[in-house]
Amino acid sequence: MGKNTEPERIIKEHRKWTQWIQTPKKLRLGNLVLTNRRLIFLNIIQSSPEVTDSIKKLADAPIETVLNHAYKLNRDNFQIPLSAIAGLKIGAYNWTPIPHVCLSVVFYDGKNLQNRMVAFQFIRPYKQTILKPEIILLIDWIRVIKKAIAGSDSRNQ
């Protein structure tokens, strides 16, 4: 298949409880979505009748249309094309009183030659954290993102 001929599809998502860590004191809450084309962070928005109506109209739309619509609902949402991701790692922040682990994504922003980095923490109920520790969840996200990048690269050649 040629470039972008495959429909966009969601590969993995962490809904409702993903924190985008801008600084240790500035956190944003939303959904992290990985597709076969991009990694998207969608901030939680206040629902309104207009938002609800616009979402209902997209019930049968392709997922790319739905994601593009959701992306436009908050000016602080952002997306990273898979081709722009330069590195993935498990990071740590806020060492007091205990360290918290997070997913760190290094990417090229296309505007300048320097890399940028974003970090995400996945918040889950305590019971889920006991059954599947955070570090395992982060390793899984890194594995799935790398696999999506490899698949994206092979389709674009």
N, C-alpha and C. Protein backbone atom coordinates (compact mmCIF):
# COMPACT_ATOMS: atom_id res chain seq x y z
N MET A 1 0.83 -1.19 0.00
CA MET A 1 0.00 0.00 0.00
C MET A 1 0.86 1.24 0.00
N GLY A 2 0.38 2.30 -0.60
CA GLY A 2 1.10 3.56 -0.64
C GLY A 2 0.94 4.34 0.64
N LYS A 3 1.55 5.49 0.64
CA LYS A 3 1.52 6.35 1.83
C LYS A 3 0.09 6.75 2.19
N ASN A 4 -0.29 6.51 3.46
CA ASN A 4 -1.58 6.91 4.02
C ASN A 4 -2.80 6.34 3.30
N THR A 5 -2.65 5.21 2.60
CA THR A 5 -3.82 4.62 1.96
C THR A 5 -4.60 3.75 2.94
N GLU A 6 -3.94 3.31 4.00
CA GLU A 6 -4.63 2.53 5.03
C GLU A 6 -5.42 3.49 5.92
N PRO A 7 -6.67 3.17 6.21
CA PRO A 7 -7.45 4.05 7.10
C PRO A 7 -6.79 4.16 8.47
N GLU A 8 -6.94 5.32 9.09
CA GLU A 8 -6.40 5.49 10.43
C GLU A 8 -7.20 4.62 11.40
N ARG A 9 -6.48 3.99 12.32
CA ARG A 9 -7.15 3.14 13.31
C ARG A 9 -6.45 3.32 14.66
N ILE A 10 -7.23 3.15 15.71
CA ILE A 10 -6.68 3.25 17.06
C ILE A 10 -6.00 1.93 17.41
N ILE A 11 -4.77 2.03 17.86
CA ILE A 11 -4.00 0.86 18.27
C ILE A 11 -4.08 0.68 19.79
N LYS A 12 -3.96 1.79 20.50
CA LYS A 12 -3.95 1.73 21.97
C LYS A 12 -4.42 3.08 22.50
N GLU A 13 -5.09 3.05 23.65
CA GLU A 13 -5.49 4.31 24.29
C GLU A 13 -5.55 4.12 25.80
N HIS A 14 -5.31 5.20 26.49
CA HIS A 14 -5.47 5.23 27.94
C HIS A 14 -6.45 6.36 28.21
N ARG A 15 -7.68 5.98 28.48
CA ARG A 15 -8.77 6.95 28.53
C ARG A 15 -8.95 7.56 29.92
N LYS A 16 -9.34 8.78 29.93
CA LYS A 16 -9.75 9.57 31.10
C LYS A 16 -8.63 9.94 32.05
N TRP A 17 -7.72 9.05 32.30
CA TRP A 17 -6.79 9.27 33.40
C TRP A 17 -5.34 9.27 32.97
N THR A 18 -5.02 10.04 31.95
CA THR A 18 -3.63 10.24 31.57
C THR A 18 -3.28 11.67 31.94
N GLN A 19 -2.15 11.83 32.61
CA GLN A 19 -1.67 13.18 32.93
C GLN A 19 -0.54 13.52 31.97
N TRP A 20 -0.66 14.67 31.32
CA TRP A 20 0.43 15.23 30.53
C TRP A 20 1.20 16.11 31.50
N ILE A 21 2.44 15.77 31.75
CA ILE A 21 3.26 16.48 32.74
C ILE A 21 4.02 17.58 32.02
N GLN A 22 3.53 18.80 32.11
CA GLN A 22 4.23 19.93 31.50
C GLN A 22 5.36 20.40 32.40
N THR A 23 5.09 20.49 33.68
CA THR A 23 6.09 20.74 34.72
C THR A 23 5.58 19.97 35.93
N PRO A 24 6.41 19.75 36.95
CA PRO A 24 5.91 19.02 38.12
C PRO A 24 4.66 19.63 38.74
N LYS A 25 4.45 20.93 38.55
CA LYS A 25 3.27 21.57 39.15
C LYS A 25 2.18 21.86 38.12
N LYS A 26 2.44 21.60 36.86
CA LYS A 26 1.44 21.86 35.82
C LYS A 26 1.12 20.56 35.10
N LEU A 27 -0.01 20.00 35.45
CA LEU A 27 -0.44 18.74 34.87
C LEU A 27 -1.75 18.95 34.13
N ARG A 28 -1.92 18.28 33.04
CA ARG A 28 -3.18 18.31 32.31
C ARG A 28 -3.72 16.89 32.27
N LEU A 29 -5.02 16.77 32.38
CA LEU A 29 -5.67 15.47 32.41
C LEU A 29 -6.40 15.23 31.10
N GLY A 30 -6.28 14.02 30.56
CA GLY A 30 -6.95 13.72 29.30
C GLY A 30 -6.77 12.28 28.88
N ASN A 31 -6.88 12.07 27.57
CA ASN A 31 -6.77 10.73 26.97
C ASN A 31 -5.54 10.70 26.08
N LEU A 32 -4.78 9.63 26.17
CA LEU A 32 -3.66 9.41 25.26
C LEU A 32 -4.09 8.34 24.27
N VAL A 33 -3.98 8.66 22.98
CA VAL A 33 -4.44 7.76 21.93
C VAL A 33 -3.30 7.53 20.94
N LEU A 34 -3.01 6.26 20.65
CA LEU A 34 -2.03 5.89 19.65
C LEU A 34 -2.77 5.31 18.45
N THR A 35 -2.51 5.88 17.28
CA THR A 35 -3.09 5.32 16.05
C THR A 35 -1.95 4.83 15.17
N ASN A 36 -2.30 4.30 14.04
CA ASN A 36 -1.27 3.85 13.11
C ASN A 36 -0.58 5.02 12.40
N ARG A 37 -0.95 6.26 12.73
CA ARG A 37 -0.32 7.44 12.13
C ARG A 37 0.25 8.44 13.13
N ARG A 38 -0.32 8.48 14.35
CA ARG A 38 0.06 9.55 15.28
C ARG A 38 -0.20 9.15 16.73
N LEU A 39 0.42 9.91 17.63
CA LEU A 39 0.17 9.84 19.07
C LEU A 39 -0.53 11.15 19.42
N ILE A 40 -1.71 11.04 20.03
CA ILE A 40 -2.54 12.22 20.27
C ILE A 40 -2.87 12.32 21.76
N PHE A 41 -2.75 13.53 22.31
CA PHE A 41 -3.23 13.79 23.67
C PHE A 41 -4.43 14.70 23.56
N LEU A 42 -5.56 14.24 24.09
CA LEU A 42 -6.81 14.99 24.06
C LEU A 42 -7.16 15.40 25.49
N ASN A 43 -7.09 16.68 25.78
CA ASN A 43 -7.45 17.19 27.10
C ASN A 43 -8.92 16.92 27.38
N ILE A 44 -9.24 16.68 28.63
CA ILE A 44 -10.64 16.54 29.02
C ILE A 44 -11.31 17.90 28.83
N ILE A 45 -12.52 17.89 28.27
CA ILE A 45 -13.25 19.13 28.04
C ILE A 45 -14.56 19.10 28.81
N GLN A 46 -15.12 20.27 29.03
CA GLN A 46 -16.44 20.36 29.65
C GLN A 46 -17.49 20.03 28.59
N SER A 47 -18.36 19.14 28.93
CA SER A 47 -19.41 18.77 27.99
C SER A 47 -20.44 19.89 27.91
N SER A 48 -21.02 19.98 26.73
CA SER A 48 -22.10 20.95 26.51
C SER A 48 -23.04 20.34 25.48
N PRO A 49 -24.23 20.86 25.35
CA PRO A 49 -25.15 20.32 24.33
C PRO A 49 -24.55 20.37 22.92
N GLU A 50 -23.80 21.43 22.62
CA GLU A 50 -23.19 21.55 21.29
C GLU A 50 -22.15 20.45 21.05
N VAL A 51 -21.32 20.20 22.06
CA VAL A 51 -20.30 19.15 21.94
C VAL A 51 -20.97 17.79 21.78
N THR A 52 -21.97 17.52 22.61
CA THR A 52 -22.69 16.25 22.54
C THR A 52 -23.33 16.06 21.16
N ASP A 53 -23.96 17.09 20.64
CA ASP A 53 -24.60 17.00 19.32
C ASP A 53 -23.57 16.76 18.22
N SER A 54 -22.44 17.46 18.29
CA SER A 54 -21.42 17.29 17.25
C SER A 54 -20.83 15.89 17.28
N ILE A 55 -20.70 15.31 18.47
CA ILE A 55 -20.17 13.96 18.59
C ILE A 55 -21.17 12.93 18.07
N LYS A 56 -22.45 13.14 18.36
CA LYS A 56 -23.49 12.23 17.87
C LYS A 56 -23.52 12.20 16.34
N LYS A 57 -23.28 13.34 15.71
CA LYS A 57 -23.27 13.41 14.25
C LYS A 57 -22.13 12.60 13.64
N LEU A 58 -21.11 12.33 14.43
CA LEU A 58 -19.94 11.60 13.93
C LEU A 58 -20.00 10.10 14.23
N ALA A 59 -21.14 9.61 14.66
CA ALA A 59 -21.26 8.21 15.09
C ALA A 59 -20.80 7.22 14.03
N ASP A 60 -21.09 7.48 12.78
CA ASP A 60 -20.71 6.55 11.71
C ASP A 60 -19.52 7.03 10.89
N ALA A 61 -18.86 8.07 11.34
CA ALA A 61 -17.73 8.65 10.60
C ALA A 61 -16.48 7.78 10.79
N PRO A 62 -15.54 7.87 9.85
CA PRO A 62 -14.25 7.17 10.03
C PRO A 62 -13.54 7.71 11.27
N ILE A 63 -12.73 6.87 11.89
CA ILE A 63 -12.05 7.24 13.14
C ILE A 63 -11.16 8.47 12.94
N GLU A 64 -10.58 8.65 11.78
CA GLU A 64 -9.75 9.82 11.51
C GLU A 64 -10.58 11.11 11.65
N THR A 65 -11.79 11.10 11.14
CA THR A 65 -12.69 12.26 11.23
C THR A 65 -13.05 12.54 12.69
N VAL A 66 -13.34 11.49 13.44
CA VAL A 66 -13.70 11.63 14.85
C VAL A 66 -12.51 12.20 15.64
N LEU A 67 -11.32 11.65 15.42
CA LEU A 67 -10.14 12.13 16.14
C LEU A 67 -9.80 13.58 15.76
N ASN A 68 -9.92 13.91 14.50
CA ASN A 68 -9.65 15.29 14.08
C ASN A 68 -10.63 16.26 14.73
N HIS A 69 -11.89 15.85 14.83
CA HIS A 69 -12.90 16.68 15.49
C HIS A 69 -12.56 16.85 16.97
N ALA A 70 -12.24 15.75 17.65
CA ALA A 70 -11.89 15.81 19.08
C ALA A 70 -10.65 16.67 19.29
N TYR A 71 -9.70 16.57 18.37
CA TYR A 71 -8.46 17.35 18.46
C TYR A 71 -8.74 18.85 18.45
N LYS A 72 -9.72 19.26 17.67
CA LYS A 72 -10.04 20.69 17.53
C LYS A 72 -10.85 21.25 18.71
N LEU A 73 -11.34 20.39 19.60
CA LEU A 73 -12.19 20.85 20.71
C LEU A 73 -11.43 21.59 21.81
N ASN A 74 -10.11 21.43 21.86
CA ASN A 74 -9.32 22.10 22.90
C ASN A 74 -8.01 22.56 22.27
N ARG A 75 -7.70 23.82 22.41
CA ARG A 75 -6.48 24.35 21.76
C ARG A 75 -5.19 23.79 22.36
N ASP A 76 -5.28 23.19 23.55
CA ASP A 76 -4.10 22.61 24.18
C ASP A 76 -3.87 21.15 23.82
N ASN A 77 -4.76 20.56 23.02
CA ASN A 77 -4.52 19.20 22.54
C ASN A 77 -3.28 19.22 21.66
N PHE A 78 -2.60 18.10 21.55
CA PHE A 78 -1.50 18.05 20.61
C PHE A 78 -1.35 16.64 20.06
N GLN A 79 -0.64 16.58 18.94
CA GLN A 79 -0.40 15.30 18.30
C GLN A 79 1.04 15.25 17.79
N ILE A 80 1.56 14.05 17.72
CA ILE A 80 2.91 13.83 17.22
C ILE A 80 2.81 12.77 16.13
N PRO A 81 3.18 13.10 14.90
CA PRO A 81 3.20 12.05 13.86
C PRO A 81 4.20 10.96 14.27
N LEU A 82 3.90 9.72 13.97
CA LEU A 82 4.81 8.64 14.35
C LEU A 82 6.19 8.85 13.75
N SER A 83 6.25 9.43 12.55
CA SER A 83 7.54 9.66 11.90
C SER A 83 8.40 10.70 12.63
N ALA A 84 7.81 11.50 13.51
CA ALA A 84 8.55 12.53 14.25
C ALA A 84 9.08 12.02 15.59
N ILE A 85 8.67 10.84 16.02
CA ILE A 85 9.12 10.32 17.32
C ILE A 85 10.56 9.85 17.20
N ALA A 86 11.43 10.44 18.04
CA ALA A 86 12.85 10.14 18.00
C ALA A 86 13.30 9.21 19.12
N GLY A 87 12.50 9.08 20.17
CA GLY A 87 12.89 8.22 21.28
C GLY A 87 11.77 8.05 22.29
N LEU A 88 11.83 6.93 22.98
CA LEU A 88 10.85 6.60 24.02
C LEU A 88 11.61 6.05 25.22
N LYS A 89 11.20 6.45 26.41
CA LYS A 89 11.85 5.90 27.60
C LYS A 89 10.92 6.04 28.80
N ILE A 90 11.29 5.33 29.85
CA ILE A 90 10.59 5.47 31.12
C ILE A 90 11.33 6.52 31.92
N GLY A 91 10.62 7.55 32.31
CA GLY A 91 11.22 8.64 33.07
C GLY A 91 10.70 8.65 34.49
N ALA A 92 11.23 9.54 35.27
CA ALA A 92 10.78 9.72 36.66
C ALA A 92 10.67 11.21 36.93
N TYR A 93 9.74 11.57 37.78
CA TYR A 93 9.56 12.96 38.14
C TYR A 93 9.04 13.03 39.57
N ASN A 94 9.10 14.21 40.14
CA ASN A 94 8.55 14.47 41.47
C ASN A 94 9.03 13.43 42.48
N TRP A 95 10.31 13.49 42.78
CA TRP A 95 10.93 12.48 43.63
C TRP A 95 10.51 12.53 45.10
N THR A 96 9.78 13.53 45.52
CA THR A 96 9.41 13.59 46.93
C THR A 96 7.91 13.42 47.09
N PRO A 97 7.41 12.68 47.97
CA PRO A 97 8.13 11.77 48.87
C PRO A 97 8.55 10.47 48.18
N ILE A 98 7.87 10.07 47.11
CA ILE A 98 8.28 8.88 46.37
C ILE A 98 8.32 9.25 44.89
N PRO A 99 9.19 8.58 44.12
CA PRO A 99 9.25 8.91 42.69
C PRO A 99 8.02 8.36 41.95
N HIS A 100 7.66 9.06 40.90
CA HIS A 100 6.59 8.62 40.02
C HIS A 100 7.21 8.33 38.66
N VAL A 101 6.80 7.26 38.02
CA VAL A 101 7.33 6.94 36.70
C VAL A 101 6.38 7.46 35.64
N CYS A 102 6.93 7.72 34.47
CA CYS A 102 6.13 8.26 33.38
C CYS A 102 6.69 7.81 32.04
N LEU A 103 5.90 7.95 31.01
CA LEU A 103 6.32 7.67 29.65
C LEU A 103 6.87 8.97 29.07
N SER A 104 8.13 8.95 28.64
CA SER A 104 8.75 10.13 28.03
C SER A 104 8.88 9.89 26.54
N VAL A 105 8.41 10.85 25.76
CA VAL A 105 8.46 10.75 24.30
C VAL A 105 9.28 11.92 23.78
N VAL A 106 10.36 11.61 23.08
CA VAL A 106 11.20 12.63 22.46
C VAL A 106 10.80 12.70 20.99
N PHE A 107 10.60 13.92 20.48
CA PHE A 107 10.16 14.06 19.10
C PHE A 107 10.72 15.32 18.46
N TYR A 108 10.69 15.34 17.14
CA TYR A 108 11.06 16.53 16.37
C TYR A 108 9.77 17.30 16.12
N ASP A 109 9.77 18.58 16.44
CA ASP A 109 8.53 19.34 16.27
C ASP A 109 8.37 19.95 14.89
N GLY A 110 9.37 19.83 14.04
CA GLY A 110 9.26 20.33 12.68
C GLY A 110 9.50 21.82 12.54
N LYS A 111 9.52 22.54 13.64
CA LYS A 111 9.70 24.00 13.59
C LYS A 111 11.17 24.39 13.74
N ASN A 112 11.91 23.58 14.49
CA ASN A 112 13.33 23.86 14.65
C ASN A 112 14.08 22.54 14.72
N LEU A 113 15.38 22.61 14.79
CA LEU A 113 16.19 21.40 14.74
C LEU A 113 16.33 20.68 16.07
N GLN A 114 15.86 21.28 17.14
CA GLN A 114 16.00 20.65 18.44
C GLN A 114 14.87 19.67 18.72
N ASN A 115 15.18 18.65 19.49
CA ASN A 115 14.16 17.71 19.94
C ASN A 115 13.34 18.34 21.05
N ARG A 116 12.13 17.89 21.19
CA ARG A 116 11.29 18.26 22.32
C ARG A 116 10.91 16.98 23.04
N MET A 117 10.49 17.11 24.29
CA MET A 117 10.07 15.94 25.04
C MET A 117 8.76 16.22 25.75
N VAL A 118 7.89 15.21 25.77
CA VAL A 118 6.67 15.27 26.56
C VAL A 118 6.65 14.03 27.45
N ALA A 119 5.97 14.15 28.58
CA ALA A 119 5.89 13.04 29.52
C ALA A 119 4.44 12.83 29.93
N PHE A 120 4.09 11.55 30.11
CA PHE A 120 2.73 11.18 30.48
C PHE A 120 2.77 10.20 31.64
N GLN A 121 1.86 10.40 32.57
CA GLN A 121 1.69 9.44 33.66
C GLN A 121 0.29 8.85 33.53
N PHE A 122 0.21 7.55 33.66
CA PHE A 122 -1.08 6.87 33.59
C PHE A 122 -1.60 6.65 35.00
N ILE A 123 -2.76 7.19 35.27
CA ILE A 123 -3.37 7.06 36.58
C ILE A 123 -4.40 5.95 36.50
N ARG A 124 -4.31 5.03 37.45
CA ARG A 124 -5.23 3.90 37.45
C ARG A 124 -5.68 3.62 38.88
N PRO A 125 -6.80 2.93 39.01
CA PRO A 125 -7.24 2.54 40.36
C PRO A 125 -6.17 1.67 41.03
N TYR A 126 -6.11 1.77 42.34
CA TYR A 126 -5.11 1.06 43.12
C TYR A 126 -5.09 -0.44 42.81
N LYS A 127 -6.26 -1.05 42.69
CA LYS A 127 -6.35 -2.49 42.43
C LYS A 127 -5.66 -2.85 41.10
N GLN A 128 -5.86 -2.04 40.07
CA GLN A 128 -5.21 -2.30 38.78
C GLN A 128 -3.70 -2.14 38.89
N THR A 129 -3.25 -1.18 39.69
CA THR A 129 -1.82 -0.96 39.86
C THR A 129 -1.17 -2.15 40.56
N ILE A 130 -1.87 -2.77 41.50
CA ILE A 130 -1.34 -3.95 42.19
C ILE A 130 -1.26 -5.13 41.21
N LEU A 131 -2.31 -5.31 40.40
CA LEU A 131 -2.34 -6.43 39.47
C LEU A 131 -1.36 -6.26 38.30
N LYS A 132 -1.16 -5.02 37.87
CA LYS A 132 -0.24 -4.74 36.77
C LYS A 132 0.50 -3.45 37.12
N PRO A 133 1.70 -3.57 37.70
CA PRO A 133 2.45 -2.38 38.13
C PRO A 133 2.67 -1.38 36.99
N GLU A 134 2.80 -0.14 37.35
CA GLU A 134 2.96 0.96 36.39
C GLU A 134 4.10 0.71 35.41
N ILE A 135 5.20 0.19 35.90
CA ILE A 135 6.37 -0.02 35.03
C ILE A 135 6.04 -1.00 33.90
N ILE A 136 5.23 -2.00 34.17
CA ILE A 136 4.83 -2.96 33.14
C ILE A 136 3.94 -2.28 32.10
N LEU A 137 3.05 -1.42 32.56
CA LEU A 137 2.19 -0.67 31.65
C LEU A 137 3.03 0.23 30.73
N LEU A 138 4.03 0.90 31.28
CA LEU A 138 4.90 1.77 30.49
C LEU A 138 5.72 0.99 29.47
N ILE A 139 6.25 -0.15 29.89
CA ILE A 139 7.01 -1.01 28.96
C ILE A 139 6.11 -1.45 27.81
N ASP A 140 4.87 -1.79 28.12
CA ASP A 140 3.92 -2.19 27.08
C ASP A 140 3.64 -1.04 26.11
N TRP A 141 3.43 0.18 26.63
CA TRP A 141 3.21 1.33 25.76
C TRP A 141 4.41 1.56 24.84
N ILE A 142 5.62 1.48 25.38
CA ILE A 142 6.82 1.67 24.56
C ILE A 142 6.90 0.61 23.47
N ARG A 143 6.63 -0.63 23.81
CA ARG A 143 6.66 -1.72 22.83
C ARG A 143 5.65 -1.48 21.71
N VAL A 144 4.43 -1.11 22.08
CA VAL A 144 3.37 -0.91 21.10
C VAL A 144 3.66 0.31 20.21
N ILE A 145 4.18 1.39 20.78
CA ILE A 145 4.53 2.57 19.98
C ILE A 145 5.64 2.23 18.99
N LYS A 146 6.67 1.52 19.45
CA LYS A 146 7.77 1.13 18.55
C LYS A 146 7.25 0.25 17.41
N LYS A 147 6.36 -0.65 17.73
CA LYS A 147 5.76 -1.51 16.70
C LYS A 147 4.95 -0.68 15.70
N ALA A 148 4.20 0.30 16.18
CA ALA A 148 3.42 1.18 15.31
C ALA A 148 4.34 2.00 14.41
N ILE A 149 5.45 2.49 14.95
CA ILE A 149 6.42 3.25 14.15
C ILE A 149 7.00 2.37 13.06
N ALA A 150 7.38 1.15 13.42
CA ALA A 150 7.93 0.22 12.43
C ALA A 150 6.92 -0.08 11.33
N GLY A 151 5.67 -0.27 11.71
CA GLY A 151 4.62 -0.52 10.72
C GLY A 151 4.39 0.69 9.84
N SER A 152 4.43 1.88 10.43
CA SER A 152 4.26 3.12 9.68
C SER A 152 5.39 3.32 8.70
N ASP A 153 6.63 3.05 9.14
CA ASP A 153 7.78 3.19 8.27
C ASP A 153 7.71 2.24 7.08
N SER A 154 7.29 1.01 7.32
CA SER A 154 7.22 0.03 6.22
C SER A 154 6.13 0.40 5.22
N ARG A 155 5.04 1.00 5.67
CA ARG A 155 3.97 1.41 4.75
C ARG A 155 4.36 2.64 3.93
N ASN A 156 5.24 3.49 4.48
CA ASN A 156 5.60 4.73 3.80
C ASN A 156 6.77 4.56 2.84
N GLN A 157 7.31 3.36 2.74
CA GLN A 157 8.46 3.15 1.83
C GLN A 157 7.99 2.74 0.46
